[in-house]
Amino acid sequence: MSNKKHIFQMTTEEFFEVFRKEILSLLEKKDSIVQKKPREDKEYFTREEAKDLLKVSYATLWKYNKNGVLRATKIGSRVYYKRKDIDDAMEGGCNV
């Protein structure tokens, strides 16, 4: 790799166009590299994922667990919620 420095003259618009193209290129590479597993394939959800799916707070999620509305499953030291239990809670209305 060379330690030479190059100086280019360009307008602000030209600079932002080059910058925009580079950012778009990087985003396309990221999208092609990152292969997220679809939620439909997941069997268990973390507390955060369950909270977001149900659109409730952590405190409400805890109340649902305490009152038997939504049962938590411990795997090792972590707490997860089964997909079926979340789907049933969403269909049933989660009333505490």
PDB file of N, CA and C in Angstrom:
ATOM      1  N   MET A   1       0.847  -1.177   0.000  1.00  0.00           N
ATOM      2  CA  MET A   1       0.000   0.000   0.000  1.00  0.00           C
ATOM      3  C   MET A   1       0.891   1.239   0.000  1.00  0.00           C
ATOM      4  N   SER A   2       0.538   2.185  -0.787  1.00  0.00           N
ATOM      5  CA  SER A   2       1.331   3.402  -0.957  1.00  0.00           C
ATOM      6  C   SER A   2       0.948   4.456   0.081  1.00  0.00           C
ATOM      7  N   ASN A   3       1.906   5.226   0.491  1.00  0.00           N
ATOM      8  CA  ASN A   3       1.653   6.310   1.444  1.00  0.00           C
ATOM      9  C   ASN A   3       1.460   7.643   0.737  1.00  0.00           C
ATOM     10  N   LYS A   4       1.259   7.602  -0.562  1.00  0.00           N
ATOM     11  CA  LYS A   4       1.080   8.835  -1.332  1.00  0.00           C
ATOM     12  C   LYS A   4      -0.258   9.467  -0.998  1.00  0.00           C
ATOM     13  N   LYS A   5      -0.277  10.769  -0.983  1.00  0.00           N
ATOM     14  CA  LYS A   5      -1.512  11.512  -0.741  1.00  0.00           C
ATOM     15  C   LYS A   5      -1.939  12.162  -2.037  1.00  0.00           C
ATOM     16  N   HIS A   6      -3.225  12.071  -2.311  1.00  0.00           N
ATOM     17  CA  HIS A   6      -3.765  12.653  -3.532  1.00  0.00           C
ATOM     18  C   HIS A   6      -4.737  13.762  -3.170  1.00  0.00           C
ATOM     19  N   ILE A   7      -4.682  14.817  -3.923  1.00  0.00           N
ATOM     20  CA  ILE A   7      -5.589  15.939  -3.704  1.00  0.00           C
ATOM     21  C   ILE A   7      -6.490  16.049  -4.922  1.00  0.00           C
ATOM     22  N   PHE A   8      -7.802  16.051  -4.670  1.00  0.00           N
ATOM     23  CA  PHE A   8      -8.775  16.174  -5.748  1.00  0.00           C
ATOM     24  C   PHE A   8      -9.553  17.456  -5.561  1.00  0.00           C
ATOM     25  N   GLN A   9      -9.884  18.071  -6.651  1.00  0.00           N
ATOM     26  CA  GLN A   9     -10.760  19.230  -6.586  1.00  0.00           C
ATOM     27  C   GLN A   9     -12.126  18.788  -7.090  1.00  0.00           C
ATOM     28  N   MET A  10     -13.127  19.043  -6.291  1.00  0.00           N
ATOM     29  CA  MET A  10     -14.495  18.739  -6.702  1.00  0.00           C
ATOM     30  C   MET A  10     -15.445  19.668  -5.979  1.00  0.00           C
ATOM     31  N   THR A  11     -16.606  19.804  -6.559  1.00  0.00           N
ATOM     32  CA  THR A  11     -17.621  20.658  -5.936  1.00  0.00           C
ATOM     33  C   THR A  11     -18.239  19.898  -4.762  1.00  0.00           C
ATOM     34  N   THR A  12     -18.946  20.638  -3.956  1.00  0.00           N
ATOM     35  CA  THR A  12     -19.650  20.015  -2.836  1.00  0.00           C
ATOM     36  C   THR A  12     -20.643  18.982  -3.340  1.00  0.00           C
ATOM     37  N   GLU A  13     -21.344  19.289  -4.420  1.00  0.00           N
ATOM     38  CA  GLU A  13     -22.323  18.360  -4.978  1.00  0.00           C
ATOM     39  C   GLU A  13     -21.643  17.082  -5.454  1.00  0.00           C
ATOM     40  N   GLU A  14     -20.488  17.222  -6.123  1.00  0.00           N
ATOM     41  CA  GLU A  14     -19.757  16.042  -6.586  1.00  0.00           C
ATOM     42  C   GLU A  14     -19.298  15.181  -5.404  1.00  0.00           C
ATOM     43  N   PHE A  15     -18.805  15.853  -4.362  1.00  0.00           N
ATOM     44  CA  PHE A  15     -18.373  15.123  -3.171  1.00  0.00           C
ATOM     45  C   PHE A  15     -19.530  14.325  -2.568  1.00  0.00           C
ATOM     46  N   PHE A  16     -20.682  14.981  -2.400  1.00  0.00           N
ATOM     47  CA  PHE A  16     -21.817  14.293  -1.794  1.00  0.00           C
ATOM     48  C   PHE A  16     -22.342  13.169  -2.682  1.00  0.00           C
ATOM     49  N   GLU A  17     -22.233  13.308  -3.995  1.00  0.00           N
ATOM     50  CA  GLU A  17     -22.659  12.244  -4.895  1.00  0.00           C
ATOM     51  C   GLU A  17     -21.739  11.023  -4.759  1.00  0.00           C
ATOM     52  N   VAL A  18     -20.435  11.251  -4.697  1.00  0.00           N
ATOM     53  CA  VAL A  18     -19.477  10.158  -4.490  1.00  0.00           C
ATOM     54  C   VAL A  18     -19.730   9.498  -3.130  1.00  0.00           C
ATOM     55  N   PHE A  19     -19.930  10.324  -2.121  1.00  0.00           N
ATOM     56  CA  PHE A  19     -20.195   9.826  -0.768  1.00  0.00           C
ATOM     57  C   PHE A  19     -21.476   9.004  -0.735  1.00  0.00           C
ATOM     58  N   ARG A  20     -22.542   9.489  -1.369  1.00  0.00           N
ATOM     59  CA  ARG A  20     -23.824   8.786  -1.410  1.00  0.00           C
ATOM     60  C   ARG A  20     -23.686   7.423  -2.092  1.00  0.00           C
ATOM     61  N   LYS A  21     -22.973   7.390  -3.214  1.00  0.00           N
ATOM     62  CA  LYS A  21     -22.774   6.129  -3.938  1.00  0.00           C
ATOM     63  C   LYS A  21     -22.001   5.120  -3.102  1.00  0.00           C
ATOM     64  N   GLU A  22     -20.997   5.604  -2.391  1.00  0.00           N
ATOM     65  CA  GLU A  22     -20.205   4.703  -1.547  1.00  0.00           C
ATOM     66  C   GLU A  22     -21.043   4.139  -0.407  1.00  0.00           C
ATOM     67  N   ILE A  23     -21.851   4.974   0.214  1.00  0.00           N
ATOM     68  CA  ILE A  23     -22.728   4.519   1.306  1.00  0.00           C
ATOM     69  C   ILE A  23     -23.724   3.491   0.777  1.00  0.00           C
ATOM     70  N   LEU A  24     -24.344   3.758  -0.366  1.00  0.00           N
ATOM     71  CA  LEU A  24     -25.287   2.806  -0.951  1.00  0.00           C
ATOM     72  C   LEU A  24     -24.606   1.482  -1.265  1.00  0.00           C
ATOM     73  N   SER A  25     -23.392   1.543  -1.757  1.00  0.00           N
ATOM     74  CA  SER A  25     -22.634   0.331  -2.049  1.00  0.00           C
ATOM     75  C   SER A  25     -22.379  -0.478  -0.778  1.00  0.00           C
ATOM     76  N   LEU A  26     -21.983   0.207   0.289  1.00  0.00           N
ATOM     77  CA  LEU A  26     -21.739  -0.472   1.562  1.00  0.00           C
ATOM     78  C   LEU A  26     -23.018  -1.085   2.123  1.00  0.00           C
ATOM     79  N   LEU A  27     -24.140  -0.391   2.003  1.00  0.00           N
ATOM     80  CA  LEU A  27     -25.406  -0.916   2.493  1.00  0.00           C
ATOM     81  C   LEU A  27     -25.832  -2.148   1.705  1.00  0.00           C
ATOM     82  N   GLU A  28     -25.617  -2.147   0.406  1.00  0.00           N
ATOM     83  CA  GLU A  28     -25.948  -3.312  -0.411  1.00  0.00           C
ATOM     84  C   GLU A  28     -25.098  -4.516  -0.014  1.00  0.00           C
ATOM     85  N   LYS A  29     -23.808  -4.275   0.253  1.00  0.00           N
ATOM     86  CA  LYS A  29     -22.932  -5.362   0.693  1.00  0.00           C
ATOM     87  C   LYS A  29     -23.395  -5.914   2.030  1.00  0.00           C
ATOM     88  N   LYS A  30     -23.761  -5.009   2.941  1.00  0.00           N
ATOM     89  CA  LYS A  30     -24.224  -5.434   4.263  1.00  0.00           C
ATOM     90  C   LYS A  30     -25.475  -6.278   4.132  1.00  0.00           C
ATOM     91  N   ASP A  31     -26.418  -5.857   3.301  1.00  0.00           N
ATOM     92  CA  ASP A  31     -27.663  -6.595   3.126  1.00  0.00           C
ATOM     93  C   ASP A  31     -27.421  -7.971   2.535  1.00  0.00           C
ATOM     94  N   SER A  32     -26.435  -8.088   1.662  1.00  0.00           N
ATOM     95  CA  SER A  32     -26.160  -9.386   1.065  1.00  0.00           C
ATOM     96  C   SER A  32     -25.428 -10.311   2.028  1.00  0.00           C
ATOM     97  N   ILE A  33     -24.687  -9.736   2.984  1.00  0.00           N
ATOM     98  CA  ILE A  33     -23.941 -10.542   3.949  1.00  0.00           C
ATOM     99  C   ILE A  33     -24.835 -10.982   5.102  1.00  0.00           C
ATOM    100  N   VAL A  34     -25.629 -10.063   5.612  1.00  0.00           N
ATOM    101  CA  VAL A  34     -26.460 -10.346   6.776  1.00  0.00           C
ATOM    102  C   VAL A  34     -27.712 -11.103   6.327  1.00  0.00           C
ATOM    103  N   GLN A  35     -27.820 -12.321   6.761  1.00  0.00           N
ATOM    104  CA  GLN A  35     -28.994 -13.131   6.461  1.00  0.00           C
ATOM    105  C   GLN A  35     -29.720 -13.374   7.777  1.00  0.00           C
ATOM    106  N   LYS A  36     -30.736 -12.565   8.037  1.00  0.00           N
ATOM    107  CA  LYS A  36     -31.473 -12.720   9.283  1.00  0.00           C
ATOM    108  C   LYS A  36     -32.462 -13.866   9.151  1.00  0.00           C
ATOM    109  N   LYS A  37     -32.580 -14.618  10.225  1.00  0.00           N
ATOM    110  CA  LYS A  37     -33.530 -15.722  10.261  1.00  0.00           C
ATOM    111  C   LYS A  37     -34.925 -15.133  10.416  1.00  0.00           C
ATOM    112  N   PRO A  38     -35.862 -15.497   9.559  1.00  0.00           N
ATOM    113  CA  PRO A  38     -37.204 -14.945   9.688  1.00  0.00           C
ATOM    114  C   PRO A  38     -37.846 -15.339  11.015  1.00  0.00           C
ATOM    115  N   ARG A  39     -38.638 -14.452  11.554  1.00  0.00           N
ATOM    116  CA  ARG A  39     -39.284 -14.717  12.838  1.00  0.00           C
ATOM    117  C   ARG A  39     -40.214 -15.914  12.777  1.00  0.00           C
ATOM    118  N   GLU A  40     -40.746 -16.208  11.588  1.00  0.00           N
ATOM    119  CA  GLU A  40     -41.666 -17.332  11.462  1.00  0.00           C
ATOM    120  C   GLU A  40     -40.980 -18.654  11.790  1.00  0.00           C
ATOM    121  N   ASP A  41     -39.657 -18.704  11.609  1.00  0.00           N
ATOM    122  CA  ASP A  41     -38.918 -19.942  11.849  1.00  0.00           C
ATOM    123  C   ASP A  41     -38.488 -20.100  13.301  1.00  0.00           C
ATOM    124  N   LYS A  42     -38.575 -19.040  14.083  1.00  0.00           N
ATOM    125  CA  LYS A  42     -38.106 -19.108  15.458  1.00  0.00           C
ATOM    126  C   LYS A  42     -39.106 -19.831  16.339  1.00  0.00           C
ATOM    127  N   GLU A  43     -38.590 -20.683  17.201  1.00  0.00           N
ATOM    128  CA  GLU A  43     -39.428 -21.414  18.148  1.00  0.00           C
ATOM    129  C   GLU A  43     -39.532 -20.666  19.484  1.00  0.00           C
ATOM    130  N   TYR A  44     -38.440 -19.988  19.873  1.00  0.00           N
ATOM    131  CA  TYR A  44     -38.390 -19.274  21.143  1.00  0.00           C
ATOM    132  C   TYR A  44     -37.986 -17.816  20.912  1.00  0.00           C
ATOM    133  N   PHE A  45     -38.540 -16.937  21.743  1.00  0.00           N
ATOM    134  CA  PHE A  45     -38.229 -15.517  21.672  1.00  0.00           C
ATOM    135  C   PHE A  45     -37.665 -15.051  23.002  1.00  0.00           C
ATOM    136  N   THR A  46     -36.732 -14.111  22.955  1.00  0.00           N
ATOM    137  CA  THR A  46     -36.197 -13.527  24.182  1.00  0.00           C
ATOM    138  C   THR A  46     -37.251 -12.627  24.809  1.00  0.00           C
ATOM    139  N   ARG A  47     -36.965 -12.151  26.001  1.00  0.00           N
ATOM    140  CA  ARG A  47     -37.896 -11.221  26.654  1.00  0.00           C
ATOM    141  C   ARG A  47     -38.108  -9.977  25.804  1.00  0.00           C
ATOM    142  N   GLU A  48     -37.011  -9.441  25.271  1.00  0.00           N
ATOM    143  CA  GLU A  48     -37.115  -8.220  24.462  1.00  0.00           C
ATOM    144  C   GLU A  48     -37.966  -8.454  23.217  1.00  0.00           C
ATOM    145  N   GLU A  49     -37.749  -9.581  22.534  1.00  0.00           N
ATOM    146  CA  GLU A  49     -38.535  -9.884  21.339  1.00  0.00           C
ATOM    147  C   GLU A  49     -40.006 -10.079  21.678  1.00  0.00           C
ATOM    148  N   ALA A  50     -40.283 -10.790  22.780  1.00  0.00           N
ATOM    149  CA  ALA A  50     -41.674 -11.002  23.203  1.00  0.00           C
ATOM    150  C   ALA A  50     -42.337  -9.680  23.565  1.00  0.00           C
ATOM    151  N   LYS A  51     -41.610  -8.842  24.271  1.00  0.00           N
ATOM    152  CA  LYS A  51     -42.119  -7.519  24.657  1.00  0.00           C
ATOM    153  C   LYS A  51     -42.470  -6.702  23.423  1.00  0.00           C
ATOM    154  N   ASP A  52     -41.586  -6.717  22.435  1.00  0.00           N
ATOM    155  CA  ASP A  52     -41.817  -5.953  21.211  1.00  0.00           C
ATOM    156  C   ASP A  52     -42.988  -6.518  20.409  1.00  0.00           C
ATOM    157  N   LEU A  53     -43.087  -7.845  20.333  1.00  0.00           N
ATOM    158  CA  LEU A  53     -44.195  -8.461  19.594  1.00  0.00           C
ATOM    159  C   LEU A  53     -45.545  -8.129  20.226  1.00  0.00           C
ATOM    160  N   LEU A  54     -45.590  -8.167  21.559  1.00  0.00           N
ATOM    161  CA  LEU A  54     -46.844  -7.902  22.271  1.00  0.00           C
ATOM    162  C   LEU A  54     -47.088  -6.414  22.498  1.00  0.00           C
ATOM    163  N   LYS A  55     -46.060  -5.596  22.222  1.00  0.00           N
ATOM    164  CA  LYS A  55     -46.149  -4.146  22.427  1.00  0.00           C
ATOM    165  C   LYS A  55     -46.502  -3.801  23.874  1.00  0.00           C
ATOM    166  N   VAL A  56     -45.737  -4.416  24.792  1.00  0.00           N
ATOM    167  CA  VAL A  56     -45.922  -4.170  26.220  1.00  0.00           C
ATOM    168  C   VAL A  56     -44.563  -3.866  26.841  1.00  0.00           C
ATOM    169  N   SER A  57     -44.582  -3.458  28.111  1.00  0.00           N
ATOM    170  CA  SER A  57     -43.337  -3.190  28.835  1.00  0.00           C
ATOM    171  C   SER A  57     -42.832  -4.489  29.474  1.00  0.00           C
ATOM    172  N   TYR A  58     -41.602  -4.436  29.999  1.00  0.00           N
ATOM    173  CA  TYR A  58     -41.067  -5.591  30.711  1.00  0.00           C
ATOM    174  C   TYR A  58     -41.915  -5.908  31.943  1.00  0.00           C
ATOM    175  N   ALA A  59     -42.396  -4.871  32.607  1.00  0.00           N
ATOM    176  CA  ALA A  59     -43.227  -5.079  33.802  1.00  0.00           C
ATOM    177  C   ALA A  59     -44.516  -5.811  33.447  1.00  0.00           C
ATOM    178  N   THR A  60     -45.133  -5.436  32.338  1.00  0.00           N
ATOM    179  CA  THR A  60     -46.358  -6.105  31.905  1.00  0.00           C
ATOM    180  C   THR A  60     -46.058  -7.543  31.512  1.00  0.00           C
ATOM    181  N   LEU A  61     -44.948  -7.775  30.852  1.00  0.00           N
ATOM    182  CA  LEU A  61     -44.549  -9.131  30.486  1.00  0.00           C
ATOM    183  C   LEU A  61     -44.362  -9.983  31.744  1.00  0.00           C
ATOM    184  N   TRP A  62     -43.761  -9.400  32.766  1.00  0.00           N
ATOM    185  CA  TRP A  62     -43.579 -10.100  34.040  1.00  0.00           C
ATOM    186  C   TRP A  62     -44.933 -10.434  34.664  1.00  0.00           C
ATOM    187  N   LYS A  63     -45.893  -9.472  34.618  1.00  0.00           N
ATOM    188  CA  LYS A  63     -47.233  -9.714  35.162  1.00  0.00           C
ATOM    189  C   LYS A  63     -47.928 -10.842  34.417  1.00  0.00           C
ATOM    190  N   TYR A  64     -47.797 -10.852  33.090  1.00  0.00           N
ATOM    191  CA  TYR A  64     -48.388 -11.931  32.297  1.00  0.00           C
ATOM    192  C   TYR A  64     -47.825 -13.282  32.726  1.00  0.00           C
ATOM    193  N   ASN A  65     -46.536 -13.327  32.979  1.00  0.00           N
ATOM    194  CA  ASN A  65     -45.903 -14.566  33.409  1.00  0.00           C
ATOM    195  C   ASN A  65     -46.396 -14.965  34.806  1.00  0.00           C
ATOM    196  N   LYS A  66     -46.451 -13.991  35.697  1.00  0.00           N
ATOM    197  CA  LYS A  66     -46.877 -14.251  37.081  1.00  0.00           C
ATOM    198  C   LYS A  66     -48.330 -14.725  37.152  1.00  0.00           C
ATOM    199  N   ASN A  67     -49.188 -14.138  36.308  1.00  0.00           N
ATOM    200  CA  ASN A  67     -50.615 -14.483  36.340  1.00  0.00           C
ATOM    201  C   ASN A  67     -50.980 -15.634  35.405  1.00  0.00           C
ATOM    202  N   GLY A  68     -49.996 -16.234  34.746  1.00  0.00           N
ATOM    203  CA  GLY A  68     -50.253 -17.397  33.908  1.00  0.00           C
ATOM    204  C   GLY A  68     -50.784 -17.080  32.521  1.00  0.00           C
ATOM    205  N   VAL A  69     -50.795 -15.811  32.149  1.00  0.00           N
ATOM    206  CA  VAL A  69     -51.274 -15.435  30.816  1.00  0.00           C
ATOM    207  C   VAL A  69     -50.256 -15.871  29.759  1.00  0.00           C
ATOM    208  N   LEU A  70     -48.995 -15.712  30.066  1.00  0.00           N
ATOM    209  CA  LEU A  70     -47.912 -16.049  29.145  1.00  0.00           C
ATOM    210  C   LEU A  70     -46.816 -16.719  29.954  1.00  0.00           C
ATOM    211  N   ARG A  71     -46.556 -17.971  29.659  1.00  0.00           N
ATOM    212  CA  ARG A  71     -45.604 -18.741  30.448  1.00  0.00           C
ATOM    213  C   ARG A  71     -44.186 -18.598  29.906  1.00  0.00           C
ATOM    214  N   ALA A  72     -43.242 -18.304  30.782  1.00  0.00           N
ATOM    215  CA  ALA A  72     -41.837 -18.206  30.403  1.00  0.00           C
ATOM    216  C   ALA A  72     -41.198 -19.584  30.485  1.00  0.00           C
ATOM    217  N   THR A  73     -40.231 -19.810  29.619  1.00  0.00           N
ATOM    218  CA  THR A  73     -39.483 -21.061  29.612  1.00  0.00           C
ATOM    219  C   THR A  73     -38.026 -20.728  29.848  1.00  0.00           C
ATOM    220  N   LYS A  74     -37.412 -21.381  30.843  1.00  0.00           N
ATOM    221  CA  LYS A  74     -35.997 -21.147  31.118  1.00  0.00           C
ATOM    222  C   LYS A  74     -35.176 -22.171  30.363  1.00  0.00           C
ATOM    223  N   ILE A  75     -34.195 -21.661  29.631  1.00  0.00           N
ATOM    224  CA  ILE A  75     -33.229 -22.523  28.958  1.00  0.00           C
ATOM    225  C   ILE A  75     -31.877 -22.085  29.478  1.00  0.00           C
ATOM    226  N   GLY A  76     -31.291 -22.921  30.318  1.00  0.00           N
ATOM    227  CA  GLY A  76     -30.073 -22.521  31.013  1.00  0.00           C
ATOM    228  C   GLY A  76     -30.420 -21.410  31.985  1.00  0.00           C
ATOM    229  N   SER A  77     -29.709 -20.317  31.905  1.00  0.00           N
ATOM    230  CA  SER A  77     -29.984 -19.189  32.798  1.00  0.00           C
ATOM    231  C   SER A  77     -30.814 -18.108  32.112  1.00  0.00           C
ATOM    232  N   ARG A  78     -31.231 -18.352  30.890  1.00  0.00           N
ATOM    233  CA  ARG A  78     -31.977 -17.345  30.120  1.00  0.00           C
ATOM    234  C   ARG A  78     -33.464 -17.666  30.089  1.00  0.00           C
ATOM    235  N   VAL A  79     -34.258 -16.620  29.949  1.00  0.00           N
ATOM    236  CA  VAL A  79     -35.714 -16.754  29.906  1.00  0.00           C
ATOM    237  C   VAL A  79     -36.188 -16.542  28.476  1.00  0.00           C
ATOM    238  N   TYR A  80     -37.015 -17.455  27.996  1.00  0.00           N
ATOM    239  CA  TYR A  80     -37.564 -17.367  26.648  1.00  0.00           C
ATOM    240  C   TYR A  80     -39.066 -17.599  26.703  1.00  0.00           C
ATOM    241  N   TYR A  81     -39.729 -17.179  25.635  1.00  0.00           N
ATOM    242  CA  TYR A  81     -41.159 -17.397  25.493  1.00  0.00           C
ATOM    243  C   TYR A  81     -41.391 -18.178  24.212  1.00  0.00           C
ATOM    244  N   LYS A  82     -42.242 -19.188  24.281  1.00  0.00           N
ATOM    245  CA  LYS A  82     -42.524 -20.016  23.110  1.00  0.00           C
ATOM    246  C   LYS A  82     -43.394 -19.244  22.118  1.00  0.00           C
ATOM    247  N   ARG A  83     -43.143 -19.495  20.846  1.00  0.00           N
ATOM    248  CA  ARG A  83     -43.905 -18.846  19.770  1.00  0.00           C
ATOM    249  C   ARG A  83     -45.400 -19.106  19.935  1.00  0.00           C
ATOM    250  N   LYS A  84     -45.781 -20.343  20.211  1.00  0.00           N
ATOM    251  CA  LYS A  84     -47.195 -20.696  20.348  1.00  0.00           C
ATOM    252  C   LYS A  84     -47.841 -19.920  21.492  1.00  0.00           C
ATOM    253  N   ASP A  85     -47.136 -19.793  22.610  1.00  0.00           N
ATOM    254  CA  ASP A  85     -47.677 -19.055  23.759  1.00  0.00           C
ATOM    255  C   ASP A  85     -47.874 -17.573  23.420  1.00  0.00           C
ATOM    256  N   ILE A  86     -46.923 -16.995  22.696  1.00  0.00           N
ATOM    257  CA  ILE A  86     -47.053 -15.581  22.295  1.00  0.00           C
ATOM    258  C   ILE A  86     -48.217 -15.413  21.331  1.00  0.00           C
ATOM    259  N   ASP A  87     -48.324 -16.325  20.339  1.00  0.00           N
ATOM    260  CA  ASP A  87     -49.427 -16.257  19.384  1.00  0.00           C
ATOM    261  C   ASP A  87     -50.775 -16.389  20.087  1.00  0.00           C
ATOM    262  N   ASP A  88     -50.860 -17.338  21.033  1.00  0.00           N
ATOM    263  CA  ASP A  88     -52.108 -17.518  21.788  1.00  0.00           C
ATOM    264  C   ASP A  88     -52.431 -16.273  22.605  1.00  0.00           C
ATOM    265  N   ALA A  89     -51.425 -15.664  23.222  1.00  0.00           N
ATOM    266  CA  ALA A  89     -51.646 -14.454  24.020  1.00  0.00           C
ATOM    267  C   ALA A  89     -52.100 -13.315  23.131  1.00  0.00           C
ATOM    268  N   MET A  90     -51.522 -13.208  21.923  1.00  0.00           N
ATOM    269  CA  MET A  90     -51.907 -12.124  21.019  1.00  0.00           C
ATOM    270  C   MET A  90     -53.340 -12.321  20.532  1.00  0.00           C
ATOM    271  N   GLU A  91     -53.741 -13.551  20.273  1.00  0.00           N
ATOM    272  CA  GLU A  91     -55.099 -13.832  19.817  1.00  0.00           C
ATOM    273  C   GLU A  91     -56.109 -13.695  20.944  1.00  0.00           C
ATOM    274  N   GLY A  92     -55.691 -14.066  22.169  1.00  0.00           N
ATOM    275  CA  GLY A  92     -56.588 -14.038  23.317  1.00  0.00           C
ATOM    276  C   GLY A  92     -56.754 -12.682  23.958  1.00  0.00           C
ATOM    277  N   GLY A  93     -55.875 -11.751  23.664  1.00  0.00           N
ATOM    278  CA  GLY A  93     -56.026 -10.398  24.186  1.00  0.00           C
ATOM    279  C   GLY A  93     -55.255 -10.101  25.440  1.00  0.00           C
ATOM    280  N   CYS A  94     -54.533 -11.038  26.024  1.00  0.00           N
ATOM    281  CA  CYS A  94     -53.656 -10.793  27.186  1.00  0.00           C
ATOM    282  C   CYS A  94     -54.312  -9.940  28.262  1.00  0.00           C
ATOM    283  N   ASN A  95     -55.408 -10.327  28.806  1.00  0.00           N
ATOM    284  CA  ASN A  95     -56.041  -9.547  29.877  1.00  0.00           C
ATOM    285  C   ASN A  95     -55.571 -10.064  31.242  1.00  0.00           C
ATOM    286  N   VAL A  96     -55.065  -9.143  32.042  1.00  0.00           N
ATOM    287  CA  VAL A  96     -54.592  -9.514  33.387  1.00  0.00           C
ATOM    288  C   VAL A  96     -55.591  -9.057  34.401  1.00  0.00           C
TER     289      VAL A  96
END
